[in-house]
Amino acid sequence: MDTLDVIDPAVGTPIATVELAGPEQVDAAVRKAREAFADWSRQSPGARGDALLALAERLRARADEYAMVESRQTGKTLRMATEFDVPGSIDNVVFFAGAARILEGRASAEYDPDHTSVIRREPVGVVGSVAPWNYPLQMAMWKVLPAIAAGNTIVLKPAEITPLTSVMLAEDALAAGIPEGVLNVVVGTGPVAGEALISHPDVDMVSFTGSTPIGKRVMEVASARAARVHLELGGKAPFVVFDDADLEAAVHGAAAGALINTGQDCTAATRAYVQRPLYDAFVAGVSDLFASIRIGDPRDPDIDMGSLVSTRQAERVAGYVDRARADGAKVRVGGQVPGGALSAGAFYPATVITDAAQDSQIVQEEVFGPVLVVLPFDSDDEGIALANDTPFGLAASAWTTDVFRAQRAQREIRAGCVWLNDHIPIVSEMPHGGMKQSGFGKDMSLYSLEDYTIVKHVSWDITGQPRKQWHRTVFADRSGTDR
């Protein structure tokens, strides 16, 4: 079996070696999931919830270990993993432990005089999920939890470069009493293990988080057998600053929203559109703040930003910036790969770009790095039009103290989430998902449980009569006969 070294991208050295699954291992995992489905789907919601609560306790006990492993395999700061990734993941577990018990259908009623109708929500079956590398633990949770809370079983393929916390999660799920086969993790590459999983004939639903091009491939493969598909894809979040906004709040919000997780976040603020009266001051403020960002050892508590996930990703980000510069955009801050002690890692500095064309690559495509493009606009109409002017529609924010502007922005910006006077906060109770080429389906919240269930209509006769009124549509008049 082939193996792969998991690299700490901040220093460029291996931290673990994993075996890579092939089609045979994927098939075995799917068969285990199918075998476990019959029993798990018949467990009461309370029993499934109790198992998830036991999992939450195990995660709390190992929280520091999870945070360190997550930091080392991704290059994100230990502070980020400790204060955001791990506690957010535990909160997700607790939420779905309760949510499992309140999944409901429509109340029973008689919609015609002779029948009572009810709606059942039933699990889909075996779910094949492919998770990304930017939030390995949290994205695994977003895939796994609603699926198993609703009674499905799952085969999860984490990104092969960041699989370690997903493997830990599977171990803790089993130790917490979640039966063998309910949660299965296969570590492998996308073209081999991923393709085998999404094309497997016994996988009833495919759930994918990642780039839009790969999401389209997932949809193509799954459509060949009419499998249900849940996609959370790329983003290019606009950050719209109107001329009455609190400038200080907008500047700090842009820096935090653009640089979270080193910019490797599909909802990160990537395109700041600033109404002209505030434009120069905003550019100056955000450039000063970006210039103050300290990058380095992710485990150093005084560091603001760690490395990107890999040297390949750092080179990709650098390529976008270099091409933007060559096309006439101005790099106000950053834009150069750091040397010296940081040269061994996958580092890239916080970067601010201005004077880019709206139709340029740096504005239209997902860079997935610590890069913010700032562009001016004049009228409110123009600002909202520019915000909508990409193929993506995952998240956005609008900054204003005018309630009517705020209401218009949240109504007219085409994104699955619109923040007002903030950018990035998420909670387990609210859905995460997009529109346009950012995909469909929701993670977190009760809405995600709906995605992992099938609606079944059950109707039963309440008359007890052998001959129904509607039978007249089939049988001719039988008056005078014994039929």
Protein backbone atom coordinates (compact mmCIF):
# COMPACT_ATOMS: atom_id res chain seq x y z
CA MET A 1 0.00 0.00 0.00
CA ASP A 2 1.32 3.45 -0.87
CA THR A 3 2.15 5.87 1.94
CA LEU A 4 2.30 9.65 2.30
CA ASP A 5 4.15 11.86 4.74
CA VAL A 6 2.01 14.45 6.52
CA ILE A 7 4.09 17.64 6.56
CA ASP A 8 4.16 20.46 9.10
CA PRO A 9 4.04 23.28 6.55
CA ALA A 10 5.51 25.84 8.94
CA VAL A 11 8.83 24.02 9.02
CA GLY A 12 8.63 21.67 6.05
CA THR A 13 9.25 18.45 7.98
CA PRO A 14 7.14 15.27 8.31
CA ILE A 15 5.06 14.71 11.45
CA ALA A 16 3.41 11.41 10.49
CA THR A 17 3.19 8.84 7.72
CA VAL A 18 -0.19 7.51 6.60
CA GLU A 19 -1.20 4.63 4.36
CA LEU A 20 -3.22 5.67 1.33
CA ALA A 21 -6.43 3.81 0.66
CA GLY A 22 -7.25 2.50 -2.78
CA PRO A 23 -10.55 1.32 -4.27
CA GLU A 24 -10.43 -1.94 -2.28
CA GLN A 25 -10.19 -0.14 1.06
CA VAL A 26 -12.94 2.28 0.04
CA ASP A 27 -15.19 -0.62 -0.93
CA ALA A 28 -14.57 -2.30 2.43
CA ALA A 29 -15.45 0.90 4.28
CA VAL A 30 -18.65 1.33 2.29
CA ARG A 31 -19.63 -2.27 3.03
CA LYS A 32 -19.07 -1.67 6.75
CA ALA A 33 -21.22 1.44 6.57
CA ARG A 34 -23.99 -0.47 4.77
CA GLU A 35 -23.92 -3.25 7.37
CA ALA A 36 -24.10 -0.75 10.22
CA PHE A 37 -26.92 1.27 8.68
CA ALA A 38 -29.76 -1.12 9.49
CA ASP A 39 -29.15 -1.01 13.24
CA TRP A 40 -28.01 2.63 13.54
CA SER A 41 -30.97 3.97 11.57
CA ARG A 42 -33.33 2.15 13.95
CA GLN A 43 -31.72 3.61 17.07
CA SER A 44 -33.91 6.15 18.79
CA PRO A 45 -32.97 9.80 18.33
CA GLY A 46 -32.24 9.91 22.05
CA ALA A 47 -29.80 7.02 21.81
CA ARG A 48 -27.98 8.66 18.90
CA GLY A 49 -27.90 11.92 20.84
CA ASP A 50 -26.45 10.22 23.92
CA ALA A 51 -23.68 8.71 21.82
CA LEU A 52 -22.82 12.15 20.45
CA LEU A 53 -22.75 13.64 23.94
CA ALA A 54 -20.28 10.92 24.96
CA LEU A 55 -18.18 11.86 21.94
CA ALA A 56 -18.22 15.51 23.03
CA GLU A 57 -16.81 14.51 26.41
CA ARG A 58 -13.96 12.61 24.79
CA LEU A 59 -13.17 15.60 22.60
CA ARG A 60 -13.10 17.90 25.63
CA ALA A 61 -10.67 15.57 27.37
CA ARG A 62 -8.34 15.61 24.36
CA ALA A 63 -8.92 19.22 23.31
CA ASP A 64 -5.30 20.30 23.72
CA GLU A 65 -4.06 17.31 21.74
CA TYR A 66 -6.54 17.98 18.94
CA ALA A 67 -5.51 21.63 18.80
CA MET A 68 -1.80 20.81 18.58
CA VAL A 69 -2.27 18.19 15.87
CA GLU A 70 -4.54 20.54 13.92
CA SER A 71 -1.97 23.32 14.12
CA ARG A 72 0.91 21.08 13.10
CA GLN A 73 -0.79 19.52 10.08
CA THR A 74 -2.19 22.80 8.71
CA GLY A 75 0.27 25.52 9.77
CA LYS A 76 -2.49 27.54 11.44
CA THR A 77 -1.71 29.17 14.75
CA LEU A 78 -2.18 27.11 17.87
CA ARG A 79 -4.28 29.97 19.21
CA MET A 80 -6.65 29.63 16.25
CA ALA A 81 -6.94 25.87 16.73
CA THR A 82 -7.38 26.20 20.50
CA GLU A 83 -9.88 29.06 20.52
CA PHE A 84 -11.84 28.42 17.32
CA ASP A 85 -11.41 25.04 15.60
CA VAL A 86 -11.62 22.69 18.56
CA PRO A 87 -14.25 24.44 20.72
CA GLY A 88 -16.35 25.11 17.63
CA SER A 89 -16.18 21.42 16.75
CA ILE A 90 -17.21 20.37 20.25
CA ASP A 91 -20.11 22.82 20.18
CA ASN A 92 -21.22 21.27 16.89
CA VAL A 93 -21.28 17.83 18.51
CA VAL A 94 -23.38 19.06 21.42
CA PHE A 95 -25.77 20.88 19.09
CA PHE A 96 -26.41 17.82 16.92
CA ALA A 97 -26.80 15.60 19.97
CA GLY A 98 -29.85 17.70 20.80
CA ALA A 99 -30.94 18.30 17.23
CA ALA A 100 -31.20 14.55 16.63
CA ARG A 101 -34.15 14.51 19.02
CA ILE A 102 -36.22 17.25 17.38
CA LEU A 103 -36.20 16.24 13.73
CA GLU A 104 -39.87 16.44 12.83
CA GLY A 105 -42.27 15.99 9.93
CA ARG A 106 -45.55 17.70 9.21
CA ALA A 107 -48.36 17.05 11.68
CA SER A 108 -50.84 14.36 10.66
CA ALA A 109 -54.06 15.52 9.06
CA GLU A 110 -56.88 14.46 6.75
CA TYR A 111 -56.37 16.20 3.43
CA ASP A 112 -59.27 14.23 1.99
CA PRO A 113 -62.16 12.68 3.94
CA ASP A 114 -60.93 9.08 3.66
CA HIS A 115 -57.24 9.20 4.52
CA THR A 116 -54.84 10.42 7.17
CA SER A 117 -51.47 11.65 5.91
CA VAL A 118 -48.24 12.00 7.85
CA ILE A 119 -44.69 12.91 6.86
CA ARG A 120 -41.74 10.83 7.99
CA ARG A 121 -38.13 11.96 7.75
CA GLU A 122 -35.87 8.98 7.21
CA PRO A 123 -32.09 8.74 6.78
CA VAL A 124 -30.77 8.59 3.24
CA GLY A 125 -28.47 5.62 3.84
CA VAL A 126 -24.72 5.49 3.32
CA VAL A 127 -23.13 8.92 2.87
CA GLY A 128 -19.78 9.37 1.15
CA SER A 129 -18.14 12.62 2.27
CA VAL A 130 -15.03 14.38 1.05
CA ALA A 131 -13.67 17.08 3.37
CA PRO A 132 -11.10 19.84 2.67
CA TRP A 133 -7.76 20.69 4.22
CA ASN A 134 -8.36 24.21 5.54
CA TYR A 135 -10.41 23.22 8.61
CA PRO A 136 -9.83 19.46 8.81
CA LEU A 137 -11.57 18.86 12.13
CA GLN A 138 -14.41 21.33 11.76
CA MET A 139 -15.21 20.38 8.19
CA ALA A 140 -15.19 16.70 9.18
CA MET A 141 -17.69 17.58 11.90
CA TRP A 142 -19.89 19.51 9.48
CA LYS A 143 -20.04 16.40 7.30
CA VAL A 144 -20.26 13.68 9.91
CA LEU A 145 -22.56 15.09 12.59
CA PRO A 146 -25.80 15.84 10.74
CA ALA A 147 -25.43 12.62 8.77
CA ILE A 148 -25.12 10.28 11.75
CA ALA A 149 -27.47 12.31 13.96
CA ALA A 150 -30.18 11.70 11.35
CA GLY A 151 -29.46 7.96 11.32
CA ASN A 152 -27.16 7.64 8.32
CA THR A 153 -23.78 5.95 8.30
CA ILE A 154 -20.81 7.66 6.68
CA VAL A 155 -17.51 7.11 4.94
CA LEU A 156 -15.36 10.21 5.28
CA LYS A 157 -12.34 10.94 3.10
CA PRO A 158 -10.34 13.79 4.60
CA ALA A 159 -7.78 15.67 2.53
CA GLU A 160 -4.75 13.43 2.35
CA ILE A 161 -2.41 16.22 3.46
CA THR A 162 -4.37 16.89 6.69
CA PRO A 163 -5.95 13.58 7.78
CA LEU A 164 -4.76 13.26 11.36
CA THR A 165 -7.60 14.82 13.36
CA SER A 166 -10.18 12.96 11.27
CA VAL A 167 -8.50 9.69 12.22
CA MET A 168 -8.52 10.80 15.87
CA LEU A 169 -12.21 11.61 15.54
CA ALA A 170 -13.00 8.12 14.26
CA GLU A 171 -11.10 6.58 17.17
CA ASP A 172 -12.95 8.70 19.70
CA ALA A 173 -16.33 8.02 18.09
CA LEU A 174 -15.80 4.29 18.52
CA ALA A 175 -14.58 4.74 22.10
CA ALA A 176 -17.64 6.89 22.85
CA GLY A 177 -19.98 4.05 21.93
CA ILE A 178 -20.86 4.94 18.36
CA PRO A 179 -21.03 1.48 16.76
CA GLU A 180 -18.36 0.23 14.40
CA GLY A 181 -19.21 1.05 10.82
CA VAL A 182 -21.22 4.17 11.57
CA LEU A 183 -18.22 6.48 11.04
CA ASN A 184 -15.52 5.22 8.70
CA VAL A 185 -12.45 7.22 7.65
CA VAL A 186 -10.42 6.42 4.55
CA VAL A 187 -7.24 8.37 3.90
CA GLY A 188 -6.38 8.65 0.24
CA THR A 189 -5.97 10.94 -2.72
CA GLY A 190 -8.87 12.53 -4.54
CA PRO A 191 -8.28 10.86 -7.93
CA VAL A 192 -8.06 7.41 -6.34
CA ALA A 193 -9.93 7.13 -3.02
CA GLY A 194 -12.17 10.14 -3.62
CA GLU A 195 -13.23 8.98 -7.07
CA ALA A 196 -13.86 5.46 -5.80
CA LEU A 197 -16.04 6.80 -2.98
CA ILE A 198 -18.22 9.19 -4.95
CA SER A 199 -18.74 6.64 -7.74
CA HIS A 200 -19.45 3.69 -5.45
CA PRO A 201 -22.83 2.13 -6.33
CA ASP A 202 -23.72 1.57 -2.66
CA VAL A 203 -23.19 5.22 -1.62
CA ASP A 204 -26.62 6.83 -1.46
CA MET A 205 -25.48 10.43 -1.01
CA VAL A 206 -22.29 12.35 -1.73
CA SER A 207 -21.26 15.35 0.37
CA PHE A 208 -18.31 17.47 -0.73
CA THR A 209 -16.61 20.62 0.51
CA GLY A 210 -13.88 22.10 -1.65
CA SER A 211 -13.22 24.02 -4.82
CA THR A 212 -15.89 24.69 -7.42
CA PRO A 213 -14.09 22.87 -10.27
CA ILE A 214 -13.75 19.69 -8.22
CA GLY A 215 -17.32 20.10 -6.99
CA LYS A 216 -18.50 20.06 -10.58
CA ARG A 217 -16.60 16.81 -11.11
CA VAL A 218 -18.20 15.32 -7.98
CA MET A 219 -21.64 16.28 -9.27
CA GLU A 220 -20.89 14.79 -12.68
CA VAL A 221 -19.83 11.44 -11.24
CA ALA A 222 -22.70 11.25 -8.75
CA SER A 223 -25.26 12.19 -11.39
CA ALA A 224 -24.43 9.06 -13.39
CA ARG A 225 -26.36 7.06 -10.78
CA ALA A 226 -28.72 9.82 -9.64
CA ALA A 227 -27.16 9.98 -6.16
CA ARG A 228 -28.09 12.85 -3.90
CA VAL A 229 -25.38 15.55 -3.79
CA HIS A 230 -24.54 18.14 -1.13
CA LEU A 231 -21.94 20.72 -2.20
CA GLU A 232 -20.23 23.53 -0.29
CA LEU A 233 -17.86 25.08 -2.80
CA GLY A 234 -15.64 28.09 -3.31
CA GLY A 235 -16.27 31.68 -2.40
CA LYS A 236 -15.08 35.17 -3.19
CA ALA A 237 -16.74 37.13 -0.41
CA PRO A 238 -17.37 40.84 -1.01
CA PHE A 239 -16.88 43.31 1.83
CA VAL A 240 -19.00 46.37 0.98
CA VAL A 241 -18.23 49.57 2.89
CA PHE A 242 -20.74 52.41 2.46
CA ASP A 243 -19.71 56.00 3.10
CA ASP A 244 -21.53 56.22 6.45
CA ALA A 245 -19.78 53.15 7.90
CA ASP A 246 -17.72 53.17 11.07
CA LEU A 247 -14.30 53.35 9.41
CA GLU A 248 -12.32 51.91 12.31
CA ALA A 249 -14.70 48.96 12.61
CA ALA A 250 -14.56 48.34 8.87
CA VAL A 251 -10.75 48.41 8.76
CA HIS A 252 -10.38 46.00 11.66
CA GLY A 253 -13.18 43.82 10.31
CA ALA A 254 -11.52 43.63 6.91
CA ALA A 255 -8.20 42.56 8.39
CA ALA A 256 -9.75 39.92 10.62
CA GLY A 257 -12.10 38.71 7.89
CA ALA A 258 -9.39 38.50 5.26
CA LEU A 259 -6.64 36.95 7.36
CA ILE A 260 -8.51 34.35 9.42
CA ASN A 261 -6.89 30.96 8.91
CA THR A 262 -4.25 32.71 6.77
CA GLY A 263 -7.00 33.61 4.30
CA GLN A 264 -7.68 29.92 3.61
CA ASP A 265 -11.37 30.26 4.29
CA CYS A 266 -14.10 30.12 1.66
CA THR A 267 -15.97 32.90 3.44
CA ALA A 268 -12.91 35.12 3.97
CA ALA A 269 -13.20 38.78 2.98
CA THR A 270 -11.40 38.93 -0.35
CA ARG A 271 -12.95 41.87 -2.25
CA ALA A 272 -13.39 45.12 -0.33
CA TYR A 273 -15.57 47.62 -2.20
CA VAL A 274 -15.37 50.99 -0.48
CA GLN A 275 -17.53 53.98 -1.34
CA ARG A 276 -15.30 56.75 -2.66
CA PRO A 277 -15.49 59.22 0.29
CA LEU A 278 -13.93 56.56 2.58
CA TYR A 279 -11.74 54.80 0.04
CA ASP A 280 -8.36 56.50 0.65
CA ALA A 281 -8.69 56.35 4.42
CA PHE A 282 -9.74 52.70 4.29
CA VAL A 283 -6.79 51.74 2.06
CA ALA A 284 -4.38 53.56 4.37
CA GLY A 285 -5.87 52.00 7.50
CA VAL A 286 -6.04 48.47 6.25
CA SER A 287 -2.54 48.70 4.76
CA ASP A 288 -1.11 49.83 8.11
CA LEU A 289 -2.88 46.99 9.91
CA PHE A 290 -1.77 44.36 7.39
CA ALA A 291 1.80 45.65 7.64
CA SER A 292 1.73 45.04 11.40
CA ILE A 293 0.77 41.35 11.06
CA ARG A 294 3.46 39.12 12.53
CA ILE A 295 4.02 35.80 10.75
CA GLY A 296 6.07 32.90 11.99
CA ASP A 297 6.00 29.86 14.26
CA PRO A 298 2.30 28.95 14.62
CA ARG A 299 2.90 27.76 18.18
CA ASP A 300 4.33 31.12 19.28
CA PRO A 301 1.54 33.00 21.15
CA ASP A 302 2.91 36.35 19.93
CA ILE A 303 2.46 35.41 16.27
CA ASP A 304 -0.61 36.66 14.38
CA MET A 305 -0.52 34.39 11.36
CA GLY A 306 1.04 31.01 10.66
CA SER A 307 1.89 29.37 7.38
CA LEU A 308 -0.30 28.25 4.54
CA VAL A 309 -1.13 24.56 4.34
CA SER A 310 1.64 23.66 1.88
CA THR A 311 4.40 25.12 -0.26
CA ARG A 312 2.21 24.33 -3.26
CA GLN A 313 -0.54 26.55 -1.86
CA ALA A 314 1.95 29.32 -1.03
CA GLU A 315 3.23 29.20 -4.61
CA ARG A 316 -0.33 29.35 -5.91
CA VAL A 317 -1.08 32.47 -3.87
CA ALA A 318 2.18 34.09 -4.95
CA GLY A 319 1.30 33.37 -8.57
CA TYR A 320 -2.00 35.22 -8.28
CA VAL A 321 -0.30 38.26 -6.75
CA ASP A 322 2.51 38.27 -9.30
CA ARG A 323 0.05 38.13 -12.19
CA ALA A 324 -2.04 40.92 -10.70
CA ARG A 325 1.08 43.07 -10.38
CA ALA A 326 2.03 42.31 -13.96
CA ASP A 327 -1.47 43.34 -15.08
CA GLY A 328 -1.10 46.78 -13.51
CA ALA A 329 -2.54 46.31 -10.01
CA LYS A 330 -0.68 47.94 -7.12
CA VAL A 331 0.58 45.88 -4.21
CA ARG A 332 0.34 48.22 -1.22
CA VAL A 333 1.58 45.80 1.44
CA GLY A 334 3.15 42.34 1.28
CA GLY A 335 3.31 40.55 -2.03
CA GLN A 336 6.75 38.99 -1.55
CA VAL A 337 7.61 35.50 -0.35
CA PRO A 338 9.53 35.92 2.93
CA GLY A 339 13.10 34.76 3.17
CA GLY A 340 15.44 34.03 6.04
CA ALA A 341 14.17 31.78 8.81
CA LEU A 342 10.73 31.57 7.20
CA SER A 343 11.95 30.31 3.85
CA ALA A 344 11.70 26.66 4.89
CA GLY A 345 7.97 27.01 5.55
CA ALA A 346 4.92 27.75 3.43
CA PHE A 347 4.63 31.39 4.46
CA TYR A 348 3.11 34.31 2.61
CA PRO A 349 2.61 37.78 4.07
CA ALA A 350 -0.64 39.67 4.55
CA THR A 351 -1.12 41.45 1.23
CA VAL A 352 -3.25 44.40 0.13
CA ILE A 353 -3.86 45.06 -3.58
CA THR A 354 -5.51 48.09 -5.21
CA ASP A 355 -6.11 49.31 -8.77
CA ALA A 356 -7.10 45.89 -10.08
CA ALA A 357 -9.68 45.56 -12.84
CA GLN A 358 -13.05 44.13 -11.86
CA ASP A 359 -12.74 41.42 -14.49
CA SER A 360 -9.17 40.48 -13.50
CA GLN A 361 -8.20 37.09 -12.14
CA ILE A 362 -7.31 38.45 -8.70
CA VAL A 363 -10.86 39.84 -8.33
CA GLN A 364 -12.83 37.03 -9.95
CA GLU A 365 -11.08 33.85 -8.78
CA GLU A 366 -10.62 32.30 -5.35
CA VAL A 367 -7.03 32.91 -4.23
CA PHE A 368 -7.35 31.19 -0.85
CA GLY A 369 -4.59 33.10 0.85
CA PRO A 370 -3.97 36.25 2.93
CA VAL A 371 -4.79 38.65 0.09
CA LEU A 372 -7.34 41.49 0.11
CA VAL A 373 -8.20 43.47 -3.02
CA VAL A 374 -9.65 46.96 -2.39
CA LEU A 375 -11.68 48.75 -5.06
CA PRO A 376 -13.77 51.96 -4.98
CA PHE A 377 -17.38 52.50 -5.94
CA ASP A 378 -19.62 55.56 -6.23
CA SER A 379 -23.34 54.82 -5.98
CA ASP A 380 -25.09 52.27 -3.77
CA ASP A 381 -26.35 50.58 -6.93
CA GLU A 382 -22.79 50.16 -8.15
CA GLY A 383 -21.55 48.77 -4.85
CA ILE A 384 -24.18 46.05 -4.73
CA ALA A 385 -23.72 45.26 -8.43
CA LEU A 386 -19.97 44.82 -7.93
CA ALA A 387 -20.55 42.64 -4.90
CA ASN A 388 -22.64 40.30 -7.05
CA ASP A 389 -20.23 40.36 -9.98
CA THR A 390 -18.51 36.98 -9.59
CA PRO A 391 -19.70 33.41 -10.14
CA PHE A 392 -19.68 32.83 -6.38
CA GLY A 393 -22.32 33.39 -3.73
CA LEU A 394 -21.21 31.91 -0.42
CA ALA A 395 -20.84 34.86 1.97
CA ALA A 396 -20.65 38.65 2.05
CA SER A 397 -20.76 41.57 4.43
CA ALA A 398 -22.04 45.13 4.30
CA TRP A 399 -20.88 47.98 6.53
CA THR A 400 -23.24 50.87 7.21
CA THR A 401 -25.03 52.69 10.03
CA ASP A 402 -28.08 53.30 7.85
CA VAL A 403 -30.80 50.72 8.55
CA PHE A 404 -32.30 51.09 5.07
CA ARG A 405 -28.94 50.55 3.37
CA ALA A 406 -28.37 47.53 5.59
CA GLN A 407 -31.74 46.05 4.72
CA ARG A 408 -31.19 46.61 1.03
CA ALA A 409 -27.75 45.01 1.18
CA GLN A 410 -28.93 41.88 2.98
CA ARG A 411 -31.81 41.61 0.55
CA GLU A 412 -29.97 42.19 -2.73
CA ILE A 413 -26.51 40.70 -2.22
CA ARG A 414 -26.62 37.18 -3.64
CA ALA A 415 -24.93 35.09 -0.99
CA GLY A 416 -25.91 32.32 1.38
CA CYS A 417 -24.83 34.42 4.36
CA VAL A 418 -24.73 38.21 4.62
CA TRP A 419 -23.17 39.77 7.71
CA LEU A 420 -23.92 43.35 8.66
CA ASN A 421 -21.10 45.32 10.31
CA ASP A 422 -19.09 42.17 10.90
CA HIS A 423 -17.55 39.43 8.79
CA ILE A 424 -16.99 35.73 9.53
CA PRO A 425 -18.82 34.73 12.79
CA ILE A 426 -20.60 31.39 12.64
CA VAL A 427 -22.72 29.50 15.17
CA SER A 428 -23.91 25.90 15.24
CA GLU A 429 -27.56 26.94 15.24
CA MET A 430 -27.39 28.81 11.93
CA PRO A 431 -26.87 27.33 8.44
CA HIS A 432 -23.75 27.67 6.33
CA GLY A 433 -24.03 27.28 2.57
CA GLY A 434 -24.13 29.20 -0.66
CA MET A 435 -25.80 29.88 -3.96
CA LYS A 436 -24.62 30.25 -7.55
CA GLN A 437 -21.33 28.37 -8.06
CA SER A 438 -20.72 28.21 -4.32
CA GLY A 439 -22.90 25.13 -4.20
CA PHE A 440 -26.09 24.08 -2.47
CA GLY A 441 -27.09 22.37 0.72
CA LYS A 442 -26.46 23.57 4.26
CA ASP A 443 -23.92 22.69 6.91
CA MET A 444 -24.69 23.14 10.61
CA SER A 445 -28.18 23.96 11.96
CA LEU A 446 -31.39 21.98 11.64
CA TYR A 447 -31.38 22.72 7.92
CA SER A 448 -28.44 20.37 7.46
CA LEU A 449 -30.41 17.55 9.08
CA GLU A 450 -33.03 18.06 6.41
CA ASP A 451 -30.36 17.64 3.74
CA TYR A 452 -29.40 14.23 5.16
CA THR A 453 -32.96 12.89 5.31
CA ILE A 454 -35.60 11.77 2.85
CA VAL A 455 -39.18 12.97 3.15
CA LYS A 456 -41.64 10.07 3.02
CA HIS A 457 -45.40 10.50 2.75
CA VAL A 458 -47.44 7.84 4.56
CA SER A 459 -51.17 7.68 3.90
CA TRP A 460 -53.68 5.27 5.38
CA ASP A 461 -57.34 4.63 4.87
CA ILE A 462 -59.64 5.61 7.76
CA THR A 463 -62.96 4.39 6.32
CA GLY A 464 -62.59 0.62 6.50
CA GLN A 465 -64.65 0.35 3.30
CA PRO A 466 -63.51 -2.20 0.69
CA ARG A 467 -64.76 -0.04 -2.19
CA LYS A 468 -63.47 3.51 -2.30
CA GLN A 469 -65.11 6.44 -3.99
CA TRP A 470 -62.16 6.93 -6.29
CA HIS A 471 -62.52 3.38 -7.64
CA ARG A 472 -65.23 4.78 -9.91
CA THR A 473 -62.45 6.16 -12.10
CA VAL A 474 -61.52 2.58 -12.93
CA PHE A 475 -64.74 0.56 -12.87
CA ALA A 476 -67.74 1.22 -15.05
CA ASP A 477 -71.18 1.45 -13.39
CA ARG A 478 -71.97 -1.91 -11.77
CA SER A 479 -75.49 -1.05 -10.55
CA GLY A 480 -77.77 -4.05 -10.61
CA THR A 481 -74.92 -6.52 -10.40
CA ASP A 482 -73.17 -8.14 -7.49
CA ARG A 483 -69.83 -6.73 -8.52
